[in-house]
Protein backbone atom coordinates (compact mmCIF):
# COMPACT_ATOMS: atom_id res chain seq x y z
CA UNK A 1 -18.63 14.47 206.20
CA UNK A 2 -22.06 13.14 205.21
CA UNK A 3 -25.31 13.01 207.16
CA UNK A 4 -26.92 9.64 207.92
CA UNK A 5 -29.77 8.72 205.62
CA UNK A 6 -33.33 9.44 206.78
CA UNK A 7 -32.32 11.34 209.93
CA UNK A 8 -35.19 11.24 212.47
CA UNK A 9 -36.10 14.41 214.33
CA UNK A 10 -38.70 12.99 216.74
CA UNK A 11 -36.39 10.91 218.91
CA UNK A 12 -36.93 10.28 222.62
CA UNK A 13 -34.16 11.23 225.09
CA UNK A 14 -32.25 7.93 225.17
CA UNK A 15 -32.21 7.74 221.37
CA UNK A 16 -30.95 11.33 221.21
CA UNK A 17 -28.01 10.33 223.40
CA UNK A 18 -27.10 7.60 220.91
CA UNK A 19 -27.73 9.28 217.57
CA UNK A 20 -28.05 13.08 217.74
CA UNK A 21 -25.44 15.09 215.87
CA UNK A 22 -23.95 12.09 214.08
CA UNK A 23 -22.22 12.69 210.77
CA UNK A 24 -20.18 10.11 208.88
CA UNK A 25 -17.14 10.31 206.65
CA UNK A 26 -17.15 8.94 203.13
CA UNK A 27 -16.25 5.56 204.67
CA UNK A 28 -19.75 5.46 206.26
CA UNK A 29 -18.45 4.12 209.58
CA UNK A 30 -20.78 2.93 212.36
CA UNK A 31 -18.90 4.59 215.21
CA UNK A 32 -18.26 8.30 214.79
CA UNK A 33 -14.97 9.17 213.10
CA UNK A 34 -12.14 10.79 215.04
CA UNK A 35 -11.03 13.76 212.96
CA UNK A 36 -7.62 14.02 214.61
CA UNK A 37 -6.26 17.03 212.77
CA UNK A 38 -5.13 20.51 213.64
CA UNK A 39 -6.03 22.08 210.30
CA UNK A 40 -7.93 21.62 207.04
CA UNK A 41 -6.98 22.17 203.38
CA UNK A 42 -8.58 24.18 200.59
CA UNK A 43 -8.75 23.49 196.87
CA UNK A 44 -8.01 27.12 196.01
CA UNK A 45 -6.83 30.35 197.60
CA UNK A 46 -10.29 31.77 196.93
CA UNK A 47 -11.88 28.96 198.95
CA UNK A 48 -9.55 29.70 201.86
CA UNK A 49 -10.42 33.40 201.70
CA UNK A 50 -14.13 32.66 201.67
CA UNK A 51 -13.79 30.35 204.67
CA UNK A 52 -12.50 33.26 206.77
CA UNK A 53 -14.93 35.81 205.32
CA UNK A 54 -18.02 33.63 205.83
CA UNK A 55 -17.37 32.39 209.35
CA UNK A 56 -18.77 28.93 210.06
CA UNK A 57 -19.11 28.02 206.39
CA UNK A 58 -16.62 25.18 206.78
CA UNK A 59 -13.93 23.81 209.10
CA UNK A 60 -10.76 25.89 209.06
CA UNK A 61 -8.81 25.07 212.24
CA UNK A 62 -9.51 22.69 215.11
CA UNK A 63 -9.02 25.42 217.69
CA UNK A 64 -12.10 27.05 216.15
CA UNK A 65 -14.19 23.96 215.35
CA UNK A 66 -13.62 20.28 214.69
CA UNK A 67 -16.02 17.67 213.23
CA UNK A 68 -15.74 15.22 216.13
CA UNK A 69 -16.06 17.93 218.76
CA UNK A 70 -19.04 19.34 216.83
CA UNK A 71 -20.81 15.98 217.07
CA UNK A 72 -20.38 15.95 220.83
CA UNK A 73 -21.65 19.53 221.08
CA UNK A 74 -24.69 18.89 218.90
CA UNK A 75 -25.64 15.70 220.74
CA UNK A 76 -25.46 17.24 224.21
CA UNK A 77 -27.30 20.37 223.02
CA UNK A 78 -30.07 18.23 221.53
CA UNK A 79 -30.49 16.30 224.77
CA UNK A 80 -30.52 19.44 226.94
CA UNK A 81 -32.78 21.36 224.57
CA UNK A 82 -30.20 24.15 224.34
CA UNK A 83 -29.61 26.20 221.17
CA UNK A 84 -25.82 25.97 221.49
CA UNK A 85 -23.16 23.84 223.15
CA UNK A 86 -19.41 24.42 223.27
CA UNK A 87 -17.01 21.57 224.11
CA UNK A 88 -13.95 22.60 226.10
CA UNK A 89 -10.77 20.98 227.35
CA UNK A 90 -11.92 20.64 230.99
CA UNK A 91 -14.80 21.39 233.29
CA UNK A 92 -12.93 24.26 234.92
CA UNK A 93 -12.23 25.76 231.49
CA UNK A 94 -16.02 25.72 231.02
CA UNK A 95 -16.66 27.40 234.38
CA UNK A 96 -14.06 30.11 233.77
CA UNK A 97 -15.16 30.81 230.19
CA UNK A 98 -18.82 31.04 231.20
CA UNK A 99 -17.94 33.63 233.84
CA UNK A 100 -15.24 35.54 231.96
CA UNK A 101 -16.43 35.72 228.35
CA UNK A 102 -18.71 38.71 228.87
CA UNK A 103 -17.60 40.28 232.14
CA UNK A 104 -16.03 43.68 232.76
CA UNK A 105 -14.70 45.93 235.49
CA UNK A 106 -17.39 46.72 238.05
CA UNK A 107 -19.56 43.66 237.37
CA UNK A 108 -20.67 41.55 240.34
CA UNK A 109 -21.10 37.80 240.76
CA UNK A 110 -23.32 36.23 243.43
CA UNK A 111 -22.54 32.65 244.45
CA UNK A 112 -23.00 30.27 247.40
CA UNK A 113 -20.29 29.42 249.89
CA UNK A 114 -20.69 25.69 249.20
CA UNK A 115 -18.92 25.01 245.90
CA UNK A 116 -16.01 23.10 244.43
CA UNK A 117 -12.75 24.69 245.58
CA UNK A 118 -11.60 25.76 242.10
CA UNK A 119 -14.93 27.50 241.40
CA UNK A 120 -14.55 29.45 244.63
CA UNK A 121 -10.97 30.35 243.68
CA UNK A 122 -12.03 31.78 240.31
CA UNK A 123 -14.74 33.93 241.86
CA UNK A 124 -12.85 35.08 244.96
CA UNK A 125 -9.23 35.24 243.80
CA UNK A 126 -8.94 35.45 239.99
CA UNK A 127 -11.80 37.61 238.70
CA UNK A 128 -11.33 40.33 241.36
CA UNK A 129 -7.91 41.00 239.76
CA UNK A 130 -9.90 42.27 236.76
CA UNK A 131 -12.16 44.53 238.79
CA UNK A 132 -14.99 42.04 239.30
CA UNK A 133 -16.68 41.96 242.71
CA UNK A 134 -18.55 39.12 244.37
CA UNK A 135 -21.09 38.38 247.09
CA UNK A 136 -21.18 34.99 248.76
CA UNK A 137 -24.41 33.64 250.25
CA UNK A 138 -25.74 30.65 252.14
CA UNK A 139 -27.06 28.71 249.18
CA UNK A 140 -29.98 27.04 250.94
CA UNK A 141 -31.24 30.33 252.46
CA UNK A 142 -33.52 32.17 250.03
CA UNK A 143 -33.53 35.24 252.28
CA UNK A 144 -29.76 35.45 251.83
CA UNK A 145 -30.22 35.27 248.05
CA UNK A 146 -32.90 37.97 248.21
CA UNK A 147 -30.61 40.30 250.13
CA UNK A 148 -27.67 39.71 247.79
CA UNK A 149 -29.82 40.19 244.70
CA UNK A 150 -31.64 43.29 245.90
CA UNK A 151 -29.06 45.21 243.86
CA UNK A 152 -27.94 44.54 240.26
CA UNK A 153 -25.55 41.71 239.43
CA UNK A 154 -24.03 40.30 236.26
CA UNK A 155 -24.05 36.59 237.04
CA UNK A 156 -25.36 34.19 239.61
CA UNK A 157 -23.32 30.99 239.76
CA UNK A 158 -24.31 27.88 241.70
CA UNK A 159 -23.91 24.12 242.01
CA UNK A 160 -26.84 21.91 243.00
CA UNK A 161 -26.19 19.44 244.50
CA UNK A 162 -23.10 21.20 245.83
CA UNK A 163 -19.62 19.69 246.01
CA UNK A 164 -19.03 17.98 248.41
CA UNK A 165 -21.78 18.69 250.95
CA UNK A 166 -24.69 17.93 248.59
CA UNK A 167 -26.63 21.06 249.52
CA UNK A 168 -29.66 21.45 247.25
CA UNK A 169 -30.45 24.97 246.03
CA UNK A 170 -33.88 26.03 244.82
CA UNK A 171 -32.84 26.76 241.23
CA UNK A 172 -36.22 28.11 240.08
CA UNK A 173 -36.46 30.54 243.00
CA UNK A 174 -32.88 31.75 242.57
CA UNK A 175 -33.43 32.12 238.80
CA UNK A 176 -36.37 34.44 239.44
CA UNK A 177 -34.33 36.55 241.85
CA UNK A 178 -31.34 36.62 239.50
CA UNK A 179 -33.39 37.78 236.53
CA UNK A 180 -35.06 40.51 238.62
CA UNK A 181 -31.54 41.76 239.44
CA UNK A 182 -30.55 41.73 235.76
CA UNK A 183 -28.27 38.72 236.21
CA UNK A 184 -27.86 35.57 234.16
CA UNK A 185 -27.97 32.32 236.11
CA UNK A 186 -25.13 29.84 235.51
CA UNK A 187 -25.75 26.33 236.90
CA UNK A 188 -22.99 23.77 237.32
CA UNK A 189 -25.03 20.60 236.84
CA UNK A 190 -22.24 18.05 237.30
CA UNK A 191 -23.51 16.20 240.37
CA UNK A 192 -27.10 15.98 239.09
CA UNK A 193 -26.00 15.04 235.53
CA UNK A 194 -28.09 15.86 232.44
CA UNK A 195 -30.24 12.82 233.28
CA UNK A 196 -31.52 13.83 236.72
CA UNK A 197 -31.86 17.61 236.48
CA UNK A 198 -32.84 20.06 233.71
CA UNK A 199 -31.60 23.51 234.77
CA UNK A 200 -32.95 25.26 231.66
CA UNK A 201 -36.45 24.13 232.59
CA UNK A 202 -35.90 25.66 236.04
CA UNK A 203 -34.86 29.06 234.68
CA UNK A 204 -31.09 28.74 234.16
CA UNK A 205 -29.55 30.78 231.34
CA UNK A 206 -26.25 28.89 231.06
CA UNK A 207 -25.36 25.33 232.11
CA UNK A 208 -21.83 24.02 232.56
CA UNK A 209 -20.44 20.50 232.92
CA UNK A 210 -17.23 18.79 233.72
CA UNK A 211 -17.66 16.06 231.11
CA UNK A 212 -14.69 14.37 232.79
CA UNK A 213 -17.14 13.07 235.39
CA UNK A 214 -20.33 11.13 234.57
CA UNK A 215 -20.41 11.96 230.85
CA UNK A 216 -17.14 10.13 230.25
CA UNK A 217 -17.92 7.92 233.20
CA UNK A 218 -14.91 5.66 232.94
CA UNK A 219 -11.99 7.78 234.11
CA UNK A 220 -10.49 8.19 230.64
CA UNK A 221 -10.84 11.72 229.33
CA UNK A 222 -10.92 15.35 230.43
CA UNK A 223 -13.60 17.58 228.98
CA UNK A 224 -16.07 20.35 229.68
CA UNK A 225 -19.18 21.86 228.14
CA UNK A 226 -21.10 25.13 228.14
CA UNK A 227 -24.72 25.18 226.98
CA UNK A 228 -26.43 28.49 226.28
CA UNK A 229 -28.67 30.52 223.98
CA UNK A 230 -27.59 32.18 220.74
CA UNK A 231 -27.20 35.60 222.37
CA UNK A 232 -24.63 34.41 224.89
CA UNK A 233 -23.00 32.17 222.27
CA UNK A 234 -22.24 35.25 220.17
CA UNK A 235 -20.11 36.58 223.03
CA UNK A 236 -18.69 33.24 224.11
CA UNK A 237 -17.56 32.07 220.66
CA UNK A 238 -14.91 34.79 220.06
CA UNK A 239 -13.66 34.39 223.64
CA UNK A 240 -13.07 30.67 223.10
CA UNK A 241 -11.68 31.14 219.60
CA UNK A 242 -9.02 33.57 220.75
CA UNK A 243 -8.15 32.04 224.14
CA UNK A 244 -8.09 28.42 222.99
CA UNK A 245 -9.45 26.11 225.74
CA UNK A 246 -10.08 23.58 222.98
CA UNK A 247 -11.43 20.06 223.44
CA UNK A 248 -9.31 17.31 221.89
CA UNK A 249 -11.05 15.42 219.04
CA UNK A 250 -10.04 12.13 220.63
CA UNK A 251 -11.56 13.19 223.97
CA UNK A 252 -14.70 14.33 222.16
CA UNK A 253 -15.00 10.85 220.64
CA UNK A 254 -14.67 9.21 224.05
CA UNK A 255 -17.29 11.59 225.45
CA UNK A 256 -19.65 10.77 222.57
CA UNK A 257 -19.35 7.12 223.56
CA UNK A 258 -19.99 8.14 227.17
CA UNK A 259 -23.22 9.93 226.26
CA UNK A 260 -24.56 6.72 224.70
CA UNK A 261 -24.54 4.90 228.04
CA UNK A 262 -24.88 7.87 230.44
CA UNK A 263 -28.50 7.23 231.37
CA UNK A 264 -27.98 3.51 231.96
CA UNK A 265 -24.94 4.12 234.15
CA UNK A 266 -26.18 6.94 236.37
CA UNK A 267 -29.56 5.32 236.99
CA UNK A 268 -27.86 2.13 238.16
CA UNK A 269 -25.39 4.13 240.28
CA UNK A 270 -28.20 6.15 241.84
CA UNK A 271 -30.12 3.02 242.83
CA UNK A 272 -26.99 1.60 244.42
CA UNK A 273 -26.16 4.90 246.16
CA UNK A 274 -29.57 5.01 247.84
CA UNK A 275 -29.04 1.55 249.35
CA UNK A 276 -25.50 2.40 250.45
CA UNK A 277 -26.58 5.71 251.97
CA UNK A 278 -29.29 3.95 253.97
CA UNK A 279 -26.70 1.43 255.21
CA UNK A 280 -24.21 4.12 256.20
CA UNK A 281 -26.82 6.22 257.98
CA UNK A 282 -27.51 3.29 260.31
CA UNK A 283 -23.85 2.91 261.35
CA UNK A 284 -22.94 4.24 264.79
CA UNK A 285 -19.50 5.40 263.59
CA UNK A 286 -21.11 7.69 260.99
CA UNK A 287 -22.75 11.05 261.60
CA UNK A 288 -24.04 13.89 259.47
CA UNK A 289 -24.72 11.73 256.41
CA UNK A 290 -26.12 13.56 253.41
CA UNK A 291 -27.79 11.97 250.43
CA UNK A 292 -30.61 13.84 248.66
CA UNK A 293 -32.64 10.66 248.25
CA UNK A 294 -33.01 10.11 252.01
CA UNK A 295 -35.72 11.87 254.06
CA UNK A 296 -33.00 12.93 256.51
CA UNK A 297 -31.46 15.28 253.93
CA UNK A 298 -32.46 18.84 254.89
CA UNK A 299 -33.58 19.62 251.33
CA UNK A 300 -35.05 16.22 250.50
CA UNK A 301 -38.45 17.61 249.46
CA UNK A 302 -36.81 20.22 247.22
CA UNK A 303 -34.63 17.53 245.64
CA UNK A 304 -37.75 15.49 244.86
CA UNK A 305 -39.32 18.52 243.15
CA UNK A 306 -36.44 19.58 240.93
CA UNK A 307 -34.60 16.30 240.31
CA UNK A 308 -35.79 13.04 238.76
CA UNK A 309 -33.07 11.00 240.50
CA UNK A 310 -30.67 11.65 243.35
CA UNK A 311 -27.29 10.79 241.85
CA UNK A 312 -24.37 8.71 243.01
CA UNK A 313 -22.65 11.04 245.50
CA UNK A 314 -22.86 10.56 249.25
CA UNK A 315 -21.26 12.75 251.94
CA UNK A 316 -20.80 11.71 255.56
CA UNK A 317 -18.62 12.28 258.60
CA UNK A 318 -16.65 9.55 260.32
CA UNK A 319 -16.67 10.04 264.09
CA UNK A 320 -13.15 10.69 265.35
CA UNK A 321 -12.12 13.29 262.78
CA UNK A 322 -9.25 13.00 260.34
CA UNK A 323 -7.44 10.05 262.02
CA UNK A 324 -10.60 7.92 262.02
CA UNK A 325 -11.49 8.98 258.45
CA UNK A 326 -8.01 8.16 257.16
CA UNK A 327 -8.01 4.83 258.97
CA UNK A 328 -11.33 3.88 257.38
CA UNK A 329 -10.14 4.91 253.92
CA UNK A 330 -6.94 2.93 254.31
CA UNK A 331 -8.89 -0.24 255.20
CA UNK A 332 -10.95 -0.22 252.03
CA UNK A 333 -10.22 -3.12 249.69
CA UNK A 334 -12.55 -2.42 246.76
CA UNK A 335 -13.42 1.27 246.77
CA UNK A 336 -10.57 3.38 245.40
CA UNK A 337 -9.16 6.50 247.03
CA UNK A 338 -9.38 9.19 244.34
CA UNK A 339 -10.46 12.81 244.15
CA UNK A 340 -12.38 12.17 240.91
CA UNK A 341 -16.07 11.21 240.72
CA UNK A 342 -18.68 9.87 238.31
CA UNK A 343 -16.51 6.89 237.35
CA UNK A 344 -17.75 3.34 236.74
CA UNK A 345 -15.47 2.46 239.67
CA UNK A 346 -16.44 3.60 243.16
CA UNK A 347 -14.18 6.43 244.33
CA UNK A 348 -13.80 7.98 247.75
CA UNK A 349 -11.96 11.04 249.02
CA UNK A 350 -11.33 13.22 252.06
CA UNK A 351 -12.35 16.70 250.78
CA UNK A 352 -10.62 18.73 253.50
CA UNK A 353 -7.21 17.46 252.37
CA UNK A 354 -7.87 17.02 248.63
CA UNK A 355 -10.54 18.85 246.61
CA UNK A 356 -10.89 21.66 249.17
CA UNK A 357 -7.38 21.62 250.60
CA UNK A 358 -6.72 25.24 249.55
CA UNK A 359 -9.96 26.54 251.04
CA UNK A 360 -9.42 28.41 254.34
CA UNK A 361 -10.37 26.39 257.41
CA UNK A 362 -13.15 28.76 258.47
CA UNK A 363 -14.73 28.53 255.01
CA UNK A 364 -14.60 24.73 255.12
CA UNK A 365 -16.38 24.69 258.45
CA UNK A 366 -18.95 27.21 257.23
CA UNK A 367 -20.15 24.82 254.51
CA UNK A 368 -19.84 21.64 256.59
CA UNK A 369 -16.49 20.25 255.44
CA UNK A 370 -15.05 18.89 258.66
CA UNK A 371 -12.01 16.84 259.59
CA UNK A 372 -13.99 13.60 259.33
CA UNK A 373 -15.94 14.41 256.16
CA UNK A 374 -15.78 11.86 253.36
CA UNK A 375 -17.26 12.02 249.84
CA UNK A 376 -18.19 8.76 248.14
CA UNK A 377 -18.89 8.42 244.42
CA UNK A 378 -20.74 5.15 243.91
CA UNK A 379 -19.74 3.16 240.85
CA UNK A 380 -21.11 0.15 239.01
CA UNK A 381 -19.83 -2.61 241.25
CA UNK A 382 -22.26 -4.94 242.98
CA UNK A 383 -24.00 -2.99 245.74
CA UNK A 384 -23.50 -5.75 248.32
CA UNK A 385 -19.77 -5.84 247.62
CA UNK A 386 -19.55 -2.10 248.21
CA UNK A 387 -21.51 -2.35 251.45
CA UNK A 388 -19.27 -5.19 252.65
CA UNK A 389 -16.20 -3.07 251.86
CA UNK A 390 -17.55 -0.10 253.81
CA UNK A 391 -18.62 -2.36 256.68
CA UNK A 392 -15.11 -3.77 256.98
CA UNK A 393 -13.54 -0.31 256.79
CA UNK A 394 -15.74 1.01 259.59
CA UNK A 395 -15.42 -2.11 261.73
CA UNK A 396 -11.74 -1.41 262.28
């Protein structure tokens, strides 16, 4: 692979998303090459030996490192301002690896109740099998965080905004408490996206993404990412190398293309989501609507301080519980029923029976997931068409 000529190092954020990390093959292609290979060859046995002695000196096996995946990693790291980025097969592989790579018997994790169901499962059901303990808190209550972090912990893990209730957590305040307790703060930044929230600037130590969502943005590819400093990378790298949650080179190429348009897409989606949220809030069949960009959101002022945009996710309850929610979903003609999010197409789901179906009922109610709760991911369709679709669904 060859570097582009006259590589600039003073690029602004949008240019970084288009150009950072790019290398080209000898064909000098415009679009990044897909190095779809499992292994690499050596001219001599001595060269092969040296490749394993001097780790990182060249590509040796795509489970360890691949040129296309490396471009994705370098581009996202450059945009986030992180020393290192690791591309993984899925977002949940990223969450698990971030938590498990440097954890041992007796370590403790502190996390909020309001999280994606699989994140809760890892913390409450998988890691305890290895002697790891946990403390769950009300994420929006700093006093709860203070109590939980009055004793040492290994990691603090949080989502903000949270899935699906869109709770906003004061990342800077929690980071200060975490560090005082000797813990590293891991932030799942999926809902905010790299465009609207910078967790490292707020004190986070590690940031994780499901690149499947907004980074791909078109419902094509699975992927995940972990961003961190060199110290954590030294522990994470051997964990990934030997456990193998490897990102596909083809998926990495799709995600590279997604990064190029990420800012354009999520800004347009956020503008549309604000209008749709305002419409929904005025409907008499809707209650408990949550969108961080509306003054009615309980953490609206905090969202304005730590985010530069409010994203494309809206949560609300349909009066009448599950039957009314299902009836409204089934009347939609444009918005698609799907448990995914961040797509160019608008997607809607009923969390209690999909993304959080395995979560115990009392835990759902604790975080505000009720029988009528619906999560809407606003896409790139015309805003008026989406409002008309929702109006017709609710009119029934």
